[in-house]
Amino acid sequence: MYEEIRKEMKEKTDKKELKGDFLFDVEREKKRQKGLPQGAAPDFGRAIRSLLKEKKMNELRLAELSGVHEKSIRSIENHSTMNPSFDTLERIAAGLGLALQDFIAFAWAGYRGNRYRTQPSERWILNYEIEKGFSIHVFSPPAMSRRDFFVGVVTVLADKKLNYWKFPGTNAKACIQPWDGKIVFAYHGMNWKEQEEVLANQTLYFDPSIPHSFENPSASSVRMLLVTHPSLF
């Protein structure tokens, strides 16, 4: 089922179905990341610009304090130099009045792939209530790397069982937390089943690569938080 959900979300993204509750403009995100270092990397250029502004300094003054040539500093700022040497970073950090560790941490915080804030208008619902008895309200944007994760709220209709869920691939992690009722979680195979009840506000962490199911035995719908790593799409 995870693969089916992933496929539908990818199709919606690729077709740019920006209707109703669609949450994420991929083109906007690509433009937002344009000019930034590609992949997961500390953004030393942004760190230098931000700290210079904060300290009311310019590149020339930083060059005087650090012993790093002004041209080299500007090259890091505009991302022409993507991998400055350890010695260069240490001297720039000292010129900015920071320990090297703090400067690197600040640069990691500046990498935009480390955070993304969605707005209420940037969410959508995948509705399988008629054919499968559940729906998913998606809160997370499409993954930009394998470091990203999926966050959604699954609504399981009364007396429904979501059979044979299995996350594609290995080394996956997931958790559920029912919000307003009980969910019966079960690992299962052809001739065996291991199950347990997860009550409201309890959290169950599990390996989603093992076939499993979710069941709502009550007479009313139950919402549960679902988090997976890596992301579903």
C-alpha atoms as a PDB file:
ATOM      1  CA  MET A   1       0.000   0.000   0.000  1.00  0.00           C
ATOM      2  CA  TYR A   2       2.896   2.371   0.674  1.00  0.00           C
ATOM      3  CA  GLU A   3       3.991   1.961  -2.943  1.00  0.00           C
ATOM      4  CA  GLU A   4       0.479   2.757  -4.174  1.00  0.00           C
ATOM      5  CA  ILE A   5       0.359   5.902  -2.029  1.00  0.00           C
ATOM      6  CA  ARG A   6       3.816   6.915  -3.227  1.00  0.00           C
ATOM      7  CA  LYS A   7       2.798   6.440  -6.861  1.00  0.00           C
ATOM      8  CA  GLU A   8      -0.335   8.569  -6.530  1.00  0.00           C
ATOM      9  CA  MET A   9       1.513  11.374  -4.749  1.00  0.00           C
ATOM     10  CA  LYS A  10       4.237  11.371  -7.403  1.00  0.00           C
ATOM     11  CA  GLU A  11       1.631  11.477 -10.180  1.00  0.00           C
ATOM     12  CA  LYS A  12      -0.111  14.428  -8.534  1.00  0.00           C
ATOM     13  CA  THR A  13       3.215  16.237  -8.200  1.00  0.00           C
ATOM     14  CA  ASP A  14       4.351  15.488 -11.760  1.00  0.00           C
ATOM     15  CA  LYS A  15       0.981  16.566 -13.214  1.00  0.00           C
ATOM     16  CA  LYS A  16       0.965  19.705 -11.057  1.00  0.00           C
ATOM     17  CA  GLU A  17      -2.598  19.149  -9.925  1.00  0.00           C
ATOM     18  CA  LEU A  18      -2.722  22.376  -7.972  1.00  0.00           C
ATOM     19  CA  LYS A  19      -6.337  22.022  -6.939  1.00  0.00           C
ATOM     20  CA  GLY A  20      -7.980  22.065  -3.543  1.00  0.00           C
ATOM     21  CA  ASP A  21      -5.650  20.710  -0.905  1.00  0.00           C
ATOM     22  CA  PHE A  22      -2.535  20.196  -3.040  1.00  0.00           C
ATOM     23  CA  LEU A  23       0.359  21.184  -0.851  1.00  0.00           C
ATOM     24  CA  PHE A  24       3.633  21.624  -2.656  1.00  0.00           C
ATOM     25  CA  ASP A  25       4.894  23.547  -5.669  1.00  0.00           C
ATOM     26  CA  VAL A  26       7.953  21.620  -6.817  1.00  0.00           C
ATOM     27  CA  GLU A  27       8.994  24.305  -9.301  1.00  0.00           C
ATOM     28  CA  ARG A  28       8.923  26.900  -6.554  1.00  0.00           C
ATOM     29  CA  GLU A  29      11.182  24.745  -4.418  1.00  0.00           C
ATOM     30  CA  LYS A  30      13.637  24.252  -7.274  1.00  0.00           C
ATOM     31  CA  LYS A  31      13.809  28.006  -7.781  1.00  0.00           C
ATOM     32  CA  ARG A  32      14.233  28.504  -4.036  1.00  0.00           C
ATOM     33  CA  GLN A  33      17.243  26.207  -4.018  1.00  0.00           C
ATOM     34  CA  LYS A  34      18.778  27.631  -7.192  1.00  0.00           C
ATOM     35  CA  GLY A  35      22.252  28.926  -6.523  1.00  0.00           C
ATOM     36  CA  LEU A  36      22.658  26.919  -3.327  1.00  0.00           C
ATOM     37  CA  PRO A  37      25.170  24.096  -2.895  1.00  0.00           C
ATOM     38  CA  GLN A  38      23.729  20.882  -4.308  1.00  0.00           C
ATOM     39  CA  GLY A  39      23.027  18.066  -1.883  1.00  0.00           C
ATOM     40  CA  ALA A  40      23.335  18.089   1.875  1.00  0.00           C
ATOM     41  CA  ALA A  41      26.177  20.490   2.646  1.00  0.00           C
ATOM     42  CA  PRO A  42      26.928  23.371   5.006  1.00  0.00           C
ATOM     43  CA  ASP A  43      26.319  26.701   3.284  1.00  0.00           C
ATOM     44  CA  PHE A  44      29.457  28.650   4.200  1.00  0.00           C
ATOM     45  CA  GLY A  45      28.598  31.415   1.754  1.00  0.00           C
ATOM     46  CA  ARG A  46      25.330  32.243   3.442  1.00  0.00           C
ATOM     47  CA  ALA A  47      26.970  31.916   6.865  1.00  0.00           C
ATOM     48  CA  ILE A  48      29.623  34.496   5.984  1.00  0.00           C
ATOM     49  CA  ARG A  49      27.089  36.942   4.510  1.00  0.00           C
ATOM     50  CA  SER A  50      24.785  36.649   7.511  1.00  0.00           C
ATOM     51  CA  LEU A  51      27.553  37.047  10.071  1.00  0.00           C
ATOM     52  CA  LEU A  52      29.110  39.994   8.254  1.00  0.00           C
ATOM     53  CA  LYS A  53      25.736  41.733   8.243  1.00  0.00           C
ATOM     54  CA  GLU A  54      25.166  40.924  11.907  1.00  0.00           C
ATOM     55  CA  LYS A  55      28.577  42.258  12.918  1.00  0.00           C
ATOM     56  CA  LYS A  56      28.367  45.255  10.552  1.00  0.00           C
ATOM     57  CA  MET A  57      31.545  44.178   8.774  1.00  0.00           C
ATOM     58  CA  ASN A  58      32.523  43.876   5.132  1.00  0.00           C
ATOM     59  CA  GLU A  59      34.705  41.378   3.288  1.00  0.00           C
ATOM     60  CA  LEU A  60      37.733  43.672   3.379  1.00  0.00           C
ATOM     61  CA  ARG A  61      37.602  43.941   7.170  1.00  0.00           C
ATOM     62  CA  LEU A  62      37.144  40.165   7.498  1.00  0.00           C
ATOM     63  CA  ALA A  63      40.161  39.661   5.239  1.00  0.00           C
ATOM     64  CA  GLU A  64      42.243  41.906   7.533  1.00  0.00           C
ATOM     65  CA  LEU A  65      41.116  40.049  10.666  1.00  0.00           C
ATOM     66  CA  SER A  66      41.386  36.528   9.263  1.00  0.00           C
ATOM     67  CA  GLY A  67      44.382  36.717   6.952  1.00  0.00           C
ATOM     68  CA  VAL A  68      42.278  35.203   4.157  1.00  0.00           C
ATOM     69  CA  HIS A  69      42.344  37.157   0.903  1.00  0.00           C
ATOM     70  CA  GLU A  70      39.183  39.189   0.206  1.00  0.00           C
ATOM     71  CA  LYS A  71      38.828  37.515  -3.210  1.00  0.00           C
ATOM     72  CA  SER A  72      38.827  34.074  -1.559  1.00  0.00           C
ATOM     73  CA  ILE A  73      36.156  35.167   0.922  1.00  0.00           C
ATOM     74  CA  ARG A  74      33.918  36.460  -1.868  1.00  0.00           C
ATOM     75  CA  SER A  75      34.473  33.232  -3.814  1.00  0.00           C
ATOM     76  CA  ILE A  76      33.103  31.257  -0.844  1.00  0.00           C
ATOM     77  CA  GLU A  77      30.215  33.691  -0.459  1.00  0.00           C
ATOM     78  CA  ASN A  78      29.026  33.286  -4.051  1.00  0.00           C
ATOM     79  CA  HIS A  79      29.603  29.497  -3.999  1.00  0.00           C
ATOM     80  CA  SER A  80      32.365  29.586  -6.601  1.00  0.00           C
ATOM     81  CA  THR A  81      34.452  27.806  -3.971  1.00  0.00           C
ATOM     82  CA  MET A  82      32.336  24.940  -2.661  1.00  0.00           C
ATOM     83  CA  ASN A  83      34.882  23.148  -0.472  1.00  0.00           C
ATOM     84  CA  PRO A  84      37.144  25.632   1.306  1.00  0.00           C
ATOM     85  CA  SER A  85      40.068  24.157   3.199  1.00  0.00           C
ATOM     86  CA  PHE A  86      39.935  23.462   6.911  1.00  0.00           C
ATOM     87  CA  ASP A  87      42.625  26.095   7.498  1.00  0.00           C
ATOM     88  CA  THR A  88      40.637  28.722   5.563  1.00  0.00           C
ATOM     89  CA  LEU A  89      37.465  27.996   7.501  1.00  0.00           C
ATOM     90  CA  GLU A  90      39.307  28.136  10.801  1.00  0.00           C
ATOM     91  CA  ARG A  91      40.816  31.526   9.988  1.00  0.00           C
ATOM     92  CA  ILE A  92      37.488  32.951   8.745  1.00  0.00           C
ATOM     93  CA  ALA A  93      35.763  31.701  11.882  1.00  0.00           C
ATOM     94  CA  ALA A  94      38.403  33.383  14.048  1.00  0.00           C
ATOM     95  CA  GLY A  95      38.019  36.595  12.061  1.00  0.00           C
ATOM     96  CA  LEU A  96      34.280  36.485  12.775  1.00  0.00           C
ATOM     97  CA  GLY A  97      34.928  35.885  16.464  1.00  0.00           C
ATOM     98  CA  LEU A  98      33.615  32.312  16.437  1.00  0.00           C
ATOM     99  CA  ALA A  99      34.990  28.923  17.293  1.00  0.00           C
ATOM    100  CA  LEU A 100      35.300  26.748  14.182  1.00  0.00           C
ATOM    101  CA  GLN A 101      32.685  24.313  15.527  1.00  0.00           C
ATOM    102  CA  ASP A 102      30.138  27.118  15.959  1.00  0.00           C
ATOM    103  CA  PHE A 103      30.856  28.496  12.485  1.00  0.00           C
ATOM    104  CA  ILE A 104      30.324  25.080  10.868  1.00  0.00           C
ATOM    105  CA  ALA A 105      27.105  24.534  12.843  1.00  0.00           C
ATOM    106  CA  PHE A 106      25.838  27.933  11.679  1.00  0.00           C
ATOM    107  CA  ALA A 107      26.661  26.984   8.089  1.00  0.00           C
ATOM    108  CA  TRP A 108      24.744  23.694   8.404  1.00  0.00           C
ATOM    109  CA  ALA A 109      21.761  25.584   9.785  1.00  0.00           C
ATOM    110  CA  GLY A 110      21.850  27.775   6.687  1.00  0.00           C
ATOM    111  CA  TYR A 111      21.505  24.848   4.266  1.00  0.00           C
ATOM    112  CA  ARG A 112      17.850  25.149   3.212  1.00  0.00           C
ATOM    113  CA  GLY A 113      17.479  21.430   2.734  1.00  0.00           C
ATOM    114  CA  ASN A 114      17.647  21.148   6.521  1.00  0.00           C
ATOM    115  CA  ARG A 115      14.264  22.785   6.986  1.00  0.00           C
ATOM    116  CA  TYR A 116      11.082  23.562   5.098  1.00  0.00           C
ATOM    117  CA  ARG A 117       7.963  25.225   6.488  1.00  0.00           C
ATOM    118  CA  THR A 118       4.637  24.357   4.888  1.00  0.00           C
ATOM    119  CA  GLN A 119       1.572  26.582   4.983  1.00  0.00           C
ATOM    120  CA  PRO A 120      -2.051  25.464   5.526  1.00  0.00           C
ATOM    121  CA  SER A 121      -2.658  25.947   1.800  1.00  0.00           C
ATOM    122  CA  GLU A 122       0.218  23.572   1.007  1.00  0.00           C
ATOM    123  CA  ARG A 123      -1.383  20.278   2.050  1.00  0.00           C
ATOM    124  CA  TRP A 124      -3.552  17.693   0.410  1.00  0.00           C
ATOM    125  CA  ILE A 125      -5.682  14.638   1.120  1.00  0.00           C
ATOM    126  CA  LEU A 126      -5.466  11.239  -0.557  1.00  0.00           C
ATOM    127  CA  ASN A 127      -8.875   9.656  -0.224  1.00  0.00           C
ATOM    128  CA  TYR A 128      -9.246   5.868  -0.338  1.00  0.00           C
ATOM    129  CA  GLU A 129     -12.314   5.744   1.922  1.00  0.00           C
ATOM    130  CA  ILE A 130     -14.661   4.117  -0.597  1.00  0.00           C
ATOM    131  CA  GLU A 131     -12.364   1.409  -1.887  1.00  0.00           C
ATOM    132  CA  LYS A 132     -10.072   0.799   1.108  1.00  0.00           C
ATOM    133  CA  GLY A 133     -11.609   2.485   4.146  1.00  0.00           C
ATOM    134  CA  PHE A 134      -9.048   5.197   4.893  1.00  0.00           C
ATOM    135  CA  SER A 135      -7.702   8.591   3.872  1.00  0.00           C
ATOM    136  CA  ILE A 136      -4.373  10.361   4.431  1.00  0.00           C
ATOM    137  CA  HIS A 137      -3.913  14.059   5.140  1.00  0.00           C
ATOM    138  CA  VAL A 138      -0.355  14.768   3.958  1.00  0.00           C
ATOM    139  CA  PHE A 139       1.678  17.355   5.881  1.00  0.00           C
ATOM    140  CA  SER A 140       5.211  16.879   4.528  1.00  0.00           C
ATOM    141  CA  PRO A 141       6.587  18.134   1.195  1.00  0.00           C
ATOM    142  CA  PRO A 142       8.116  15.780  -1.388  1.00  0.00           C
ATOM    143  CA  ALA A 143      11.517  14.526  -0.283  1.00  0.00           C
ATOM    144  CA  MET A 144      14.585  16.288  -1.628  1.00  0.00           C
ATOM    145  CA  SER A 145      16.955  13.558  -0.334  1.00  0.00           C
ATOM    146  CA  ARG A 146      16.933  10.236   1.541  1.00  0.00           C
ATOM    147  CA  ARG A 147      17.399  12.187   4.763  1.00  0.00           C
ATOM    148  CA  ASP A 148      13.805  13.432   4.535  1.00  0.00           C
ATOM    149  CA  PHE A 149      10.793  11.804   6.156  1.00  0.00           C
ATOM    150  CA  PHE A 150       7.031  11.608   5.654  1.00  0.00           C
ATOM    151  CA  VAL A 151       4.423  12.987   8.053  1.00  0.00           C
ATOM    152  CA  GLY A 152       0.705  12.420   7.595  1.00  0.00           C
ATOM    153  CA  VAL A 153      -2.505  11.755   9.481  1.00  0.00           C
ATOM    154  CA  VAL A 154      -4.344   8.593   8.502  1.00  0.00           C
ATOM    155  CA  THR A 155      -8.091   8.395   9.156  1.00  0.00           C
ATOM    156  CA  VAL A 156      -9.251   4.775   9.413  1.00  0.00           C
ATOM    157  CA  LEU A 157     -13.007   4.359   9.087  1.00  0.00           C
ATOM    158  CA  ALA A 158     -15.061   2.427  11.634  1.00  0.00           C
ATOM    159  CA  ASP A 159     -14.557  -1.340  11.680  1.00  0.00           C
ATOM    160  CA  LYS A 160     -12.002  -1.253   8.864  1.00  0.00           C
ATOM    161  CA  LYS A 161      -8.747  -3.158   8.464  1.00  0.00           C
ATOM    162  CA  LEU A 162      -5.946  -1.889   6.257  1.00  0.00           C
ATOM    163  CA  ASN A 163      -4.403  -5.119   5.012  1.00  0.00           C
ATOM    164  CA  TYR A 164      -0.911  -5.889   3.771  1.00  0.00           C
ATOM    165  CA  TRP A 165       1.073  -2.709   4.112  1.00  0.00           C
ATOM    166  CA  LYS A 166       4.766  -3.154   3.307  1.00  0.00           C
ATOM    167  CA  PHE A 167       7.312  -0.399   2.831  1.00  0.00           C
ATOM    168  CA  PRO A 168       9.422  -0.860  -0.315  1.00  0.00           C
ATOM    169  CA  GLY A 169      13.109  -1.495   0.298  1.00  0.00           C
ATOM    170  CA  THR A 170      14.938  -2.050   3.567  1.00  0.00           C
ATOM    171  CA  ASN A 171      16.356   0.076   6.383  1.00  0.00           C
ATOM    172  CA  ALA A 172      13.041   1.886   6.738  1.00  0.00           C
ATOM    173  CA  LYS A 173      11.564   3.132  10.018  1.00  0.00           C
ATOM    174  CA  ALA A 174       8.042   4.189  10.943  1.00  0.00           C
ATOM    175  CA  CYS A 175       5.815   5.043  13.861  1.00  0.00           C
ATOM    176  CA  ILE A 176       2.098   5.528  14.470  1.00  0.00           C
ATOM    177  CA  GLN A 177       0.226   7.362  17.200  1.00  0.00           C
ATOM    178  CA  PRO A 178      -3.574   7.028  17.398  1.00  0.00           C
ATOM    179  CA  TRP A 179      -5.195  10.306  18.398  1.00  0.00           C
ATOM    180  CA  ASP A 180      -8.785   9.503  19.263  1.00  0.00           C
ATOM    181  CA  GLY A 181      -9.197   5.749  19.532  1.00  0.00           C
ATOM    182  CA  LYS A 182      -7.479   2.387  19.406  1.00  0.00           C
ATOM    183  CA  ILE A 183      -5.582   0.803  16.519  1.00  0.00           C
ATOM    184  CA  VAL A 184      -4.714  -2.890  16.364  1.00  0.00           C
ATOM    185  CA  PHE A 185      -1.321  -3.268  14.710  1.00  0.00           C
ATOM    186  CA  ALA A 186      -0.174  -6.658  13.396  1.00  0.00           C
ATOM    187  CA  TYR A 187       2.848  -8.135  11.685  1.00  0.00           C
ATOM    188  CA  HIS A 188       1.728 -11.049   9.576  1.00  0.00           C
ATOM    189  CA  GLY A 189       2.767 -13.738   7.106  1.00  0.00           C
ATOM    190  CA  MET A 190       1.020 -16.596   5.346  1.00  0.00           C
ATOM    191  CA  ASN A 191       0.364 -18.639   8.485  1.00  0.00           C
ATOM    192  CA  TRP A 192       1.298 -16.397  11.389  1.00  0.00           C
ATOM    193  CA  LYS A 193       0.415 -13.072  12.991  1.00  0.00           C
ATOM    194  CA  GLU A 194       1.854 -10.984  15.832  1.00  0.00           C
ATOM    195  CA  GLN A 195      -0.407  -8.173  16.964  1.00  0.00           C
ATOM    196  CA  GLU A 196      -0.833  -5.610  19.708  1.00  0.00           C
ATOM    197  CA  GLU A 197      -3.216  -2.818  20.592  1.00  0.00           C
ATOM    198  CA  VAL A 198      -2.036   0.793  20.388  1.00  0.00           C
ATOM    199  CA  LEU A 199      -4.190   3.117  22.474  1.00  0.00           C
ATOM    200  CA  ALA A 200      -4.829   6.830  21.988  1.00  0.00           C
ATOM    201  CA  ASN A 201      -1.672   8.896  22.512  1.00  0.00           C
ATOM    202  CA  GLN A 202       0.553   5.812  22.664  1.00  0.00           C
ATOM    203  CA  THR A 203       3.288   5.618  20.036  1.00  0.00           C
ATOM    204  CA  LEU A 204       4.369   2.430  18.304  1.00  0.00           C
ATOM    205  CA  TYR A 205       7.690   2.297  16.471  1.00  0.00           C
ATOM    206  CA  PHE A 206       8.085  -0.511  13.961  1.00  0.00           C
ATOM    207  CA  ASP A 207       9.897  -1.853  10.910  1.00  0.00           C
ATOM    208  CA  PRO A 208       7.572  -1.107   7.968  1.00  0.00           C
ATOM    209  CA  SER A 209       9.478  -3.425   5.610  1.00  0.00           C
ATOM    210  CA  ILE A 210       7.799  -6.382   7.399  1.00  0.00           C
ATOM    211  CA  PRO A 211       4.233  -6.955   6.084  1.00  0.00           C
ATOM    212  CA  HIS A 212       1.742  -5.450   8.528  1.00  0.00           C
ATOM    213  CA  SER A 213      -1.815  -4.219   8.940  1.00  0.00           C
ATOM    214  CA  PHE A 214      -3.759  -1.561  10.843  1.00  0.00           C
ATOM    215  CA  GLU A 215      -7.233  -2.258  12.164  1.00  0.00           C
ATOM    216  CA  ASN A 216      -9.840   0.023  13.712  1.00  0.00           C
ATOM    217  CA  PRO A 217     -12.187  -2.240  15.706  1.00  0.00           C
ATOM    218  CA  SER A 218     -14.387   0.605  16.987  1.00  0.00           C
ATOM    219  CA  ALA A 219     -17.698   1.977  15.733  1.00  0.00           C
ATOM    220  CA  SER A 220     -16.225   5.369  14.840  1.00  0.00           C
ATOM    221  CA  SER A 221     -13.315   6.644  12.766  1.00  0.00           C
ATOM    222  CA  VAL A 222      -9.851   6.831  14.295  1.00  0.00           C
ATOM    223  CA  ARG A 223      -7.106   9.246  13.288  1.00  0.00           C
ATOM    224  CA  MET A 224      -3.483   8.246  13.668  1.00  0.00           C
ATOM    225  CA  LEU A 225      -0.244  10.078  13.047  1.00  0.00           C
ATOM    226  CA  LEU A 226       2.035   8.245  10.592  1.00  0.00           C
ATOM    227  CA  VAL A 227       5.735   9.059  10.247  1.00  0.00           C
ATOM    228  CA  THR A 228       8.091   7.161   7.918  1.00  0.00           C
ATOM    229  CA  HIS A 229      11.761   7.353   7.036  1.00  0.00           C
ATOM    230  CA  PRO A 230      12.643   7.541   4.249  1.00  0.00           C
ATOM    231  CA  SER A 231       9.748   9.569   2.917  1.00  0.00           C
ATOM    232  CA  LEU A 232       6.942   7.952   0.942  1.00  0.00           C
ATOM    233  CA  PHE A 233       7.700  10.194  -2.045  1.00  0.00           C
END
